[in-house]
């Protein structure tokens, strides 16, 4: 979530069957039939090696317009993501109008109408409730506006779908948890269901438990809301009190991890339980590196870099490039030991310490200027 990565859409969205996030069968652009919100998501072909044409397309326009329809939430993940996208659009000579519903699904539908009415060259959808945005995605495409979607369970096969590689993310962090705890442990599992990226990570976690019987789950909690960390902390305090033998915590994204840290402190368990999370931000780095922190590692992408990748997809799609159906963004393992050894205290220092987090070659082209996310 965030994937980070992630992606707060508000308490109202939680009751719905299909929330934000990468879909189990997410979707893309190029040819193919069009689905609808009521239909089944199409099976999309992943093309991580796709590159836009080297020559600037005839359809590329100076001063092109991008409309971003998004559901952001608490935390600096979304701020970094948005800055990365905006910087990339501006570098390519365009301008971006942002329509941010901040957890209000009805507002996102209304804003999507406004975005379509503004007649942009392309629309970016960044998070949202699938039942709300799918009809609007259909409408935009029917009016000839290309759509690039990040982390929404979409049904229209003509919209390009981009996500973190959630299976790889969960595998990386769980493999490290096993390496860090060779004798196994008793896990407090911090996650919620119904959100596609988190569901994907849950599948990996369940497989991990089956394959590693020295690890067992003794508690489960997690709340997805506009104040995820605070609400998760409240649930976690009670859950951990009832599971005093807990030695490990796996949180499926960083706001859940922050809630787990608070719950551990409230139960005086911070020195007894190691925490493993997903996603990264400056606030996360500070919590991971503070003295006595139990947060041992996270698997993550750079949110600013992810925003830039999505923006490059939008630049290309708006110029008339036939885009791939689906693209996934690789993540890196970031450990507490590495952060402390390299004196990393914020995202800029992390980008220097782990330059592989910046991936300008993904959807890069000579006519799309490279940027340094976060700079």
Protein backbone atom coordinates (compact mmCIF):
# COMPACT_ATOMS: atom_id res chain seq x y z
CA UNK A 1 0.00 0.00 0.00
CA UNK A 2 1.60 2.85 -0.04
CA UNK A 3 1.64 -0.84 -2.60
CA UNK A 4 3.69 2.17 0.98
CA UNK A 5 2.65 0.90 -0.53
CA UNK A 6 -0.90 2.75 0.83
CA UNK A 7 -3.62 4.43 0.42
CA UNK A 8 -6.20 5.66 2.69
CA UNK A 9 -9.67 6.08 1.26
CA UNK A 10 -11.62 6.61 4.42
CA UNK A 11 -13.81 4.64 6.73
CA UNK A 12 -16.79 4.78 4.41
CA UNK A 13 -14.91 2.74 1.86
CA UNK A 14 -14.11 -0.08 4.22
CA UNK A 15 -17.64 -1.44 4.17
CA UNK A 16 -17.53 -1.89 0.44
CA UNK A 17 -16.58 -5.17 -1.18
CA UNK A 18 -13.92 -3.79 -3.50
CA UNK A 19 -11.61 -1.14 -2.14
CA UNK A 20 -8.51 0.55 -3.41
CA UNK A 21 -5.45 -1.24 -4.52
CA UNK A 22 -4.01 -3.44 -7.13
CA UNK A 23 -6.54 -5.92 -8.35
CA UNK A 24 -6.08 -9.64 -8.32
CA UNK A 25 -6.61 -9.50 -12.08
CA UNK A 26 -5.74 -5.87 -12.74
CA UNK A 27 -5.94 -4.12 -16.02
CA UNK A 28 -4.35 -2.13 -18.76
CA UNK A 29 -4.30 -0.34 -21.97
CA UNK A 30 -3.66 -1.10 -25.53
CA UNK A 31 -6.27 -3.10 -27.35
CA UNK A 32 -8.70 -5.56 -25.92
CA UNK A 33 -12.29 -5.50 -24.93
CA UNK A 34 -13.66 -3.05 -22.43
CA UNK A 35 -15.06 -4.30 -19.17
CA UNK A 36 -17.25 -2.44 -16.70
CA UNK A 37 -17.34 -2.06 -12.94
CA UNK A 38 -19.98 -4.77 -12.80
CA UNK A 39 -17.94 -7.18 -14.94
CA UNK A 40 -14.88 -9.23 -14.23
CA UNK A 41 -11.49 -7.51 -14.39
CA UNK A 42 -9.60 -8.59 -17.48
CA UNK A 43 -6.52 -10.78 -17.25
CA UNK A 44 -3.74 -8.40 -18.12
CA UNK A 45 -0.36 -9.08 -19.64
CA UNK A 46 2.55 -7.73 -17.59
CA UNK A 47 5.13 -5.92 -19.73
CA UNK A 48 7.76 -4.59 -17.36
CA UNK A 49 10.26 -4.20 -20.21
CA UNK A 50 7.99 -1.92 -22.26
CA UNK A 51 9.53 1.34 -23.46
CA UNK A 52 7.81 4.21 -25.27
CA UNK A 53 9.16 4.93 -28.77
CA UNK A 54 12.49 6.74 -28.90
CA UNK A 55 11.14 9.37 -31.31
CA UNK A 56 8.64 11.90 -30.01
CA UNK A 57 5.18 10.87 -31.25
CA UNK A 58 3.30 13.14 -33.61
CA UNK A 59 0.49 13.27 -31.04
CA UNK A 60 2.70 14.81 -28.35
CA UNK A 61 1.48 18.33 -27.55
CA UNK A 62 3.29 21.21 -25.92
CA UNK A 63 1.52 22.31 -22.76
CA UNK A 64 -0.48 19.07 -22.54
CA UNK A 65 -2.93 18.71 -19.66
CA UNK A 66 -3.00 15.90 -17.10
CA UNK A 67 -5.87 15.47 -14.64
CA UNK A 68 -5.09 13.45 -11.54
CA UNK A 69 -8.10 12.01 -9.72
CA UNK A 70 -6.92 10.60 -6.41
CA UNK A 71 -7.71 9.46 -2.90
CA UNK A 72 -4.83 10.51 -0.69
CA UNK A 73 -4.58 10.04 3.05
CA UNK A 74 -2.60 10.68 6.20
CA UNK A 75 1.19 10.49 5.99
CA UNK A 76 3.93 11.82 3.75
CA UNK A 77 3.73 8.87 1.32
CA UNK A 78 0.99 10.54 -0.71
CA UNK A 79 2.75 13.91 -0.63
CA UNK A 80 5.93 12.38 -2.04
CA UNK A 81 3.97 10.38 -4.64
CA UNK A 82 2.17 13.52 -5.81
CA UNK A 83 5.36 15.59 -5.93
CA UNK A 84 7.08 12.93 -8.03
CA UNK A 85 4.20 12.85 -10.50
CA UNK A 86 3.93 16.62 -10.72
CA UNK A 87 7.68 17.09 -11.21
CA UNK A 88 7.73 14.56 -14.05
CA UNK A 89 4.73 16.11 -15.84
CA UNK A 90 6.26 19.59 -15.59
CA UNK A 91 9.64 18.34 -16.82
CA UNK A 92 7.90 16.93 -19.89
CA UNK A 93 6.28 20.30 -20.61
CA UNK A 94 2.81 19.61 -19.24
CA UNK A 95 0.63 20.81 -16.42
CA UNK A 96 -1.31 18.74 -13.92
CA UNK A 97 -4.60 19.53 -12.19
CA UNK A 98 -5.18 17.50 -9.02
CA UNK A 99 -8.63 16.39 -7.85
CA UNK A 100 -8.15 14.88 -4.37
CA UNK A 101 -11.21 13.44 -2.62
CA UNK A 102 -9.38 12.69 0.65
CA UNK A 103 -11.47 9.67 1.59
CA UNK A 104 -14.85 10.92 0.30
CA UNK A 105 -15.99 8.50 -2.42
CA UNK A 106 -18.98 10.57 -3.52
CA UNK A 107 -16.67 13.55 -3.85
CA UNK A 108 -14.27 11.52 -5.97
CA UNK A 109 -17.07 10.70 -8.42
CA UNK A 110 -17.99 14.39 -8.65
CA UNK A 111 -14.35 15.35 -9.11
CA UNK A 112 -13.94 12.69 -11.78
CA UNK A 113 -16.81 14.38 -13.65
CA UNK A 114 -14.97 17.69 -13.32
CA UNK A 115 -11.75 16.09 -14.56
CA UNK A 116 -13.48 14.69 -17.65
CA UNK A 117 -15.17 18.02 -18.31
CA UNK A 118 -11.79 19.79 -18.25
CA UNK A 119 -10.90 17.80 -21.40
CA UNK A 120 -7.36 16.79 -20.41
CA UNK A 121 -5.05 14.89 -22.70
CA UNK A 122 -4.88 12.07 -20.14
CA UNK A 123 -6.26 11.16 -16.71
CA UNK A 124 -4.31 9.56 -13.84
CA UNK A 125 -6.34 7.68 -11.23
CA UNK A 126 -4.39 7.30 -7.99
CA UNK A 127 -6.27 5.09 -5.53
CA UNK A 128 -10.00 5.05 -5.00
CA UNK A 129 -13.00 2.82 -4.52
CA UNK A 130 -13.36 0.50 -7.49
CA UNK A 131 -17.17 0.65 -7.53
CA UNK A 132 -16.97 4.45 -7.66
CA UNK A 133 -14.27 5.03 -10.24
CA UNK A 134 -14.81 2.19 -12.71
CA UNK A 135 -17.88 3.78 -14.38
CA UNK A 136 -15.97 7.07 -14.64
CA UNK A 137 -12.97 5.32 -16.17
CA UNK A 138 -15.32 3.78 -18.74
CA UNK A 139 -16.80 7.21 -19.45
CA UNK A 140 -13.42 8.91 -19.89
CA UNK A 141 -12.20 6.21 -22.28
CA UNK A 142 -15.45 6.37 -24.26
CA UNK A 143 -14.75 10.07 -24.77
CA UNK A 144 -11.28 9.37 -26.10
CA UNK A 145 -9.32 10.32 -22.96
CA UNK A 146 -6.55 7.81 -22.11
CA UNK A 147 -6.53 6.65 -18.48
CA UNK A 148 -3.57 5.42 -16.40
CA UNK A 149 -4.52 3.79 -13.11
CA UNK A 150 -2.45 3.17 -9.99
CA UNK A 151 -3.68 0.76 -7.33
CA UNK A 152 -7.39 0.54 -8.13
CA UNK A 153 -9.18 -2.70 -8.97
CA UNK A 154 -10.21 -1.72 -12.49
CA UNK A 155 -12.36 -3.52 -15.03
CA UNK A 156 -11.72 -1.63 -18.27
CA UNK A 157 -9.05 -3.36 -20.32
CA UNK A 158 -8.24 -0.14 -22.17
CA UNK A 159 -6.94 1.58 -19.04
CA UNK A 160 -3.28 1.00 -18.22
CA UNK A 161 -2.72 -0.53 -14.78
CA UNK A 162 0.40 0.14 -12.68
CA UNK A 163 1.16 -1.24 -9.24
CA UNK A 164 3.93 -2.26 -6.94
CA UNK A 165 4.85 -5.92 -7.17
CA UNK A 166 2.94 -6.84 -4.03
CA UNK A 167 3.81 -10.53 -4.14
CA UNK A 168 7.51 -9.70 -4.32
CA UNK A 169 7.16 -7.10 -1.58
CA UNK A 170 5.60 -9.54 0.87
CA UNK A 171 8.07 -12.27 -0.06
CA UNK A 172 11.07 -10.00 0.53
CA UNK A 173 10.00 -8.89 3.99
CA UNK A 174 8.83 -12.31 5.16
CA UNK A 175 12.02 -13.95 3.92
CA UNK A 176 14.00 -11.39 5.92
CA UNK A 177 11.82 -12.00 8.99
CA UNK A 178 12.67 -15.70 8.70
CA UNK A 179 16.39 -14.93 8.25
CA UNK A 180 16.29 -12.57 11.24
CA UNK A 181 14.49 -15.17 13.39
CA UNK A 182 15.79 -18.62 12.36
CA UNK A 183 14.12 -20.31 15.33
CA UNK A 184 10.71 -18.96 14.33
CA UNK A 185 8.33 -16.93 16.46
CA UNK A 186 4.79 -16.02 17.45
CA UNK A 187 3.32 -13.43 15.11
CA UNK A 188 0.89 -10.59 15.61
CA UNK A 189 -0.48 -10.11 12.10
CA UNK A 190 -1.47 -6.52 11.29
CA UNK A 191 -3.63 -6.31 8.18
CA UNK A 192 -7.15 -5.75 6.89
CA UNK A 193 -9.05 -7.60 4.17
CA UNK A 194 -10.87 -6.34 1.08
CA UNK A 195 -8.08 -4.08 -0.19
CA UNK A 196 -6.42 -5.62 -3.20
CA UNK A 197 -2.71 -4.89 -2.46
CA UNK A 198 -3.17 -6.03 1.12
CA UNK A 199 -5.06 -9.11 -0.03
CA UNK A 200 -2.16 -9.98 -2.33
CA UNK A 201 0.27 -9.63 0.56
CA UNK A 202 -2.02 -11.73 2.72
CA UNK A 203 -1.86 -14.60 0.21
CA UNK A 204 1.93 -14.62 0.50
CA UNK A 205 1.71 -14.47 4.29
CA UNK A 206 -0.67 -17.42 4.47
CA UNK A 207 1.66 -19.44 2.24
CA UNK A 208 4.57 -18.44 4.48
CA UNK A 209 2.81 -19.80 7.56
CA UNK A 210 2.08 -23.11 5.83
CA UNK A 211 5.67 -23.50 4.66
CA UNK A 212 7.30 -22.42 7.95
CA UNK A 213 5.68 -24.20 10.86
CA UNK A 214 8.08 -22.68 13.40
CA UNK A 215 6.15 -19.46 12.91
CA UNK A 216 2.59 -19.23 14.22
CA UNK A 217 -0.01 -16.47 14.42
CA UNK A 218 -1.18 -15.57 17.92
CA UNK A 219 -2.96 -12.26 17.26
CA UNK A 220 -4.49 -10.30 14.41
CA UNK A 221 -5.58 -6.68 14.29
CA UNK A 222 -5.67 -3.68 11.97
CA UNK A 223 -8.02 -0.84 11.08
CA UNK A 224 -8.18 0.89 7.70
CA UNK A 225 -9.44 4.46 8.02
CA UNK A 226 -8.32 8.04 7.51
CA UNK A 227 -6.40 7.64 10.79
CA UNK A 228 -5.15 4.11 10.24
CA UNK A 229 -2.23 4.21 12.66
CA UNK A 230 -4.29 5.61 15.54
CA UNK A 231 -7.23 3.25 15.02
CA UNK A 232 -4.88 0.29 14.55
CA UNK A 233 -3.09 1.23 17.78
CA UNK A 234 -6.38 1.13 19.68
CA UNK A 235 -7.23 -2.33 18.31
CA UNK A 236 -3.67 -3.54 18.79
CA UNK A 237 -3.46 -2.54 22.43
CA UNK A 238 -6.26 -4.95 23.29
CA UNK A 239 -5.11 -7.69 20.92
CA UNK A 240 -1.55 -7.68 22.23
CA UNK A 241 -2.68 -7.64 25.84
CA UNK A 242 -4.51 -10.89 25.07
CA UNK A 243 -1.41 -12.34 23.37
CA UNK A 244 1.52 -11.71 25.74
CA UNK A 245 3.66 -14.43 24.09
CA UNK A 246 3.95 -12.41 20.85
CA UNK A 247 7.54 -12.12 19.62
CA UNK A 248 7.05 -10.81 16.07
CA UNK A 249 4.70 -8.46 14.23
CA UNK A 250 4.16 -8.37 10.48
CA UNK A 251 2.33 -5.26 9.26
CA UNK A 252 1.20 -5.18 5.62
CA UNK A 253 1.86 -1.47 5.19
CA UNK A 254 3.50 1.33 7.08
CA UNK A 255 0.52 3.07 8.70
CA UNK A 256 -0.42 -0.33 10.14
CA UNK A 257 3.18 -0.75 11.35
CA UNK A 258 3.03 2.64 13.08
CA UNK A 259 -0.14 1.57 14.85
CA UNK A 260 1.53 -1.65 15.94
CA UNK A 261 4.47 0.29 17.39
CA UNK A 262 2.12 2.40 19.51
CA UNK A 263 0.25 -0.69 20.69
CA UNK A 264 3.51 -2.35 21.67
CA UNK A 265 4.55 0.69 23.71
CA UNK A 266 1.19 0.75 25.46
CA UNK A 267 1.71 -2.87 26.50
CA UNK A 268 5.39 -2.43 27.44
CA UNK A 269 6.32 -4.96 24.74
CA UNK A 270 8.61 -2.88 22.53
CA UNK A 271 11.69 -4.71 23.78
CA UNK A 272 10.12 -8.14 23.29
CA UNK A 273 8.61 -7.93 19.78
CA UNK A 274 10.33 -7.33 16.44
CA UNK A 275 8.29 -5.50 13.79
CA UNK A 276 8.46 -6.06 10.01
CA UNK A 277 6.58 -3.75 7.65
CA UNK A 278 5.96 -2.58 4.13
CA UNK A 279 6.51 0.88 2.57
CA UNK A 280 8.84 3.71 3.50
CA UNK A 281 8.74 7.43 4.21
CA UNK A 282 10.80 9.94 6.17
CA UNK A 283 8.55 9.41 9.19
CA UNK A 284 9.03 5.65 8.88
CA UNK A 285 12.81 6.02 8.70
CA UNK A 286 12.80 8.14 11.85
CA UNK A 287 10.74 5.54 13.71
CA UNK A 288 12.90 2.67 12.48
CA UNK A 289 16.16 4.30 13.55
CA UNK A 290 15.21 5.79 16.90
CA UNK A 291 16.87 4.17 19.94
CA UNK A 292 15.15 0.99 21.04
CA UNK A 293 12.89 0.80 17.98
CA UNK A 294 11.57 -2.73 17.34
CA UNK A 295 10.94 -1.99 13.63
CA UNK A 296 13.56 -4.23 12.04
CA UNK A 297 12.91 -3.91 8.30
CA UNK A 298 10.54 -2.89 5.54
CA UNK A 299 10.11 -3.71 1.86
CA UNK A 300 9.32 -0.68 -0.23
CA UNK A 301 9.52 1.44 -3.33
CA UNK A 302 10.27 5.16 -3.32
CA UNK A 303 6.84 6.84 -3.50
CA UNK A 304 8.21 9.84 -5.40
CA UNK A 305 9.75 7.50 -7.96
CA UNK A 306 6.46 5.60 -8.27
CA UNK A 307 4.61 8.86 -8.90
CA UNK A 308 7.14 9.75 -11.58
CA UNK A 309 6.71 6.37 -13.30
CA UNK A 310 2.93 6.78 -13.37
CA UNK A 311 3.39 10.29 -14.75
CA UNK A 312 5.67 9.02 -17.53
CA UNK A 313 2.98 6.52 -18.44
CA UNK A 314 0.49 9.37 -18.59
CA UNK A 315 2.79 11.53 -20.71
CA UNK A 316 3.22 8.70 -23.20
CA UNK A 317 -0.47 7.71 -23.22
CA UNK A 318 -1.51 11.33 -23.70
CA UNK A 319 0.82 11.53 -26.70
CA UNK A 320 -0.96 8.62 -28.34
CA UNK A 321 1.46 5.83 -27.45
CA UNK A 322 -0.17 2.39 -27.30
CA UNK A 323 0.65 1.49 -23.71
CA UNK A 324 1.04 -1.98 -22.17
CA UNK A 325 -1.79 -3.50 -20.20
CA UNK A 326 0.06 -3.81 -16.91
CA UNK A 327 3.34 -2.84 -15.30
CA UNK A 328 4.66 -3.68 -11.83
CA UNK A 329 7.32 -1.74 -9.95
CA UNK A 330 10.04 -3.67 -8.08
CA UNK A 331 10.71 -3.01 -4.40
CA UNK A 332 13.84 -3.03 -2.24
CA UNK A 333 14.47 -4.49 1.21
CA UNK A 334 15.39 -1.74 3.69
CA UNK A 335 16.70 -2.88 7.05
CA UNK A 336 17.08 -1.02 10.31
CA UNK A 337 20.74 -2.08 10.42
CA UNK A 338 21.45 -0.53 7.01
CA UNK A 339 19.71 2.74 7.91
CA UNK A 340 21.70 3.07 11.10
CA UNK A 341 25.03 2.02 9.58
CA UNK A 342 24.66 4.59 6.77
CA UNK A 343 23.20 7.29 9.04
CA UNK A 344 20.07 7.55 6.90
CA UNK A 345 17.50 9.85 8.52
CA UNK A 346 15.21 10.84 5.63
CA UNK A 347 14.09 9.88 2.13
CA UNK A 348 16.70 12.03 0.36
CA UNK A 349 19.49 10.27 2.24
CA UNK A 350 17.88 6.91 1.52
CA UNK A 351 17.82 7.69 -2.21
CA UNK A 352 21.55 8.37 -2.00
CA UNK A 353 22.21 5.21 -0.01
CA UNK A 354 20.03 3.07 -2.32
CA UNK A 355 20.22 4.62 -5.79
CA UNK A 356 18.36 1.61 -7.22
CA UNK A 357 15.18 3.10 -5.74
CA UNK A 358 15.25 5.61 -8.62
CA UNK A 359 14.29 3.88 -11.87
CA UNK A 360 14.29 6.46 -14.69
CA UNK A 361 14.54 3.71 -17.30
CA UNK A 362 11.06 2.39 -16.44
CA UNK A 363 8.86 3.94 -19.17
CA UNK A 364 11.72 6.27 -20.01
CA UNK A 365 12.24 7.80 -23.46
CA UNK A 366 14.55 10.48 -24.88
CA UNK A 367 11.62 12.90 -25.28
CA UNK A 368 10.51 12.45 -21.64
CA UNK A 369 13.13 14.29 -19.53
CA UNK A 370 14.58 12.36 -16.62
CA UNK A 371 14.04 13.77 -13.14
CA UNK A 372 15.52 12.93 -9.77
CA UNK A 373 12.49 12.22 -7.55
CA UNK A 374 12.60 14.02 -4.26
CA UNK A 375 15.20 16.52 -5.42
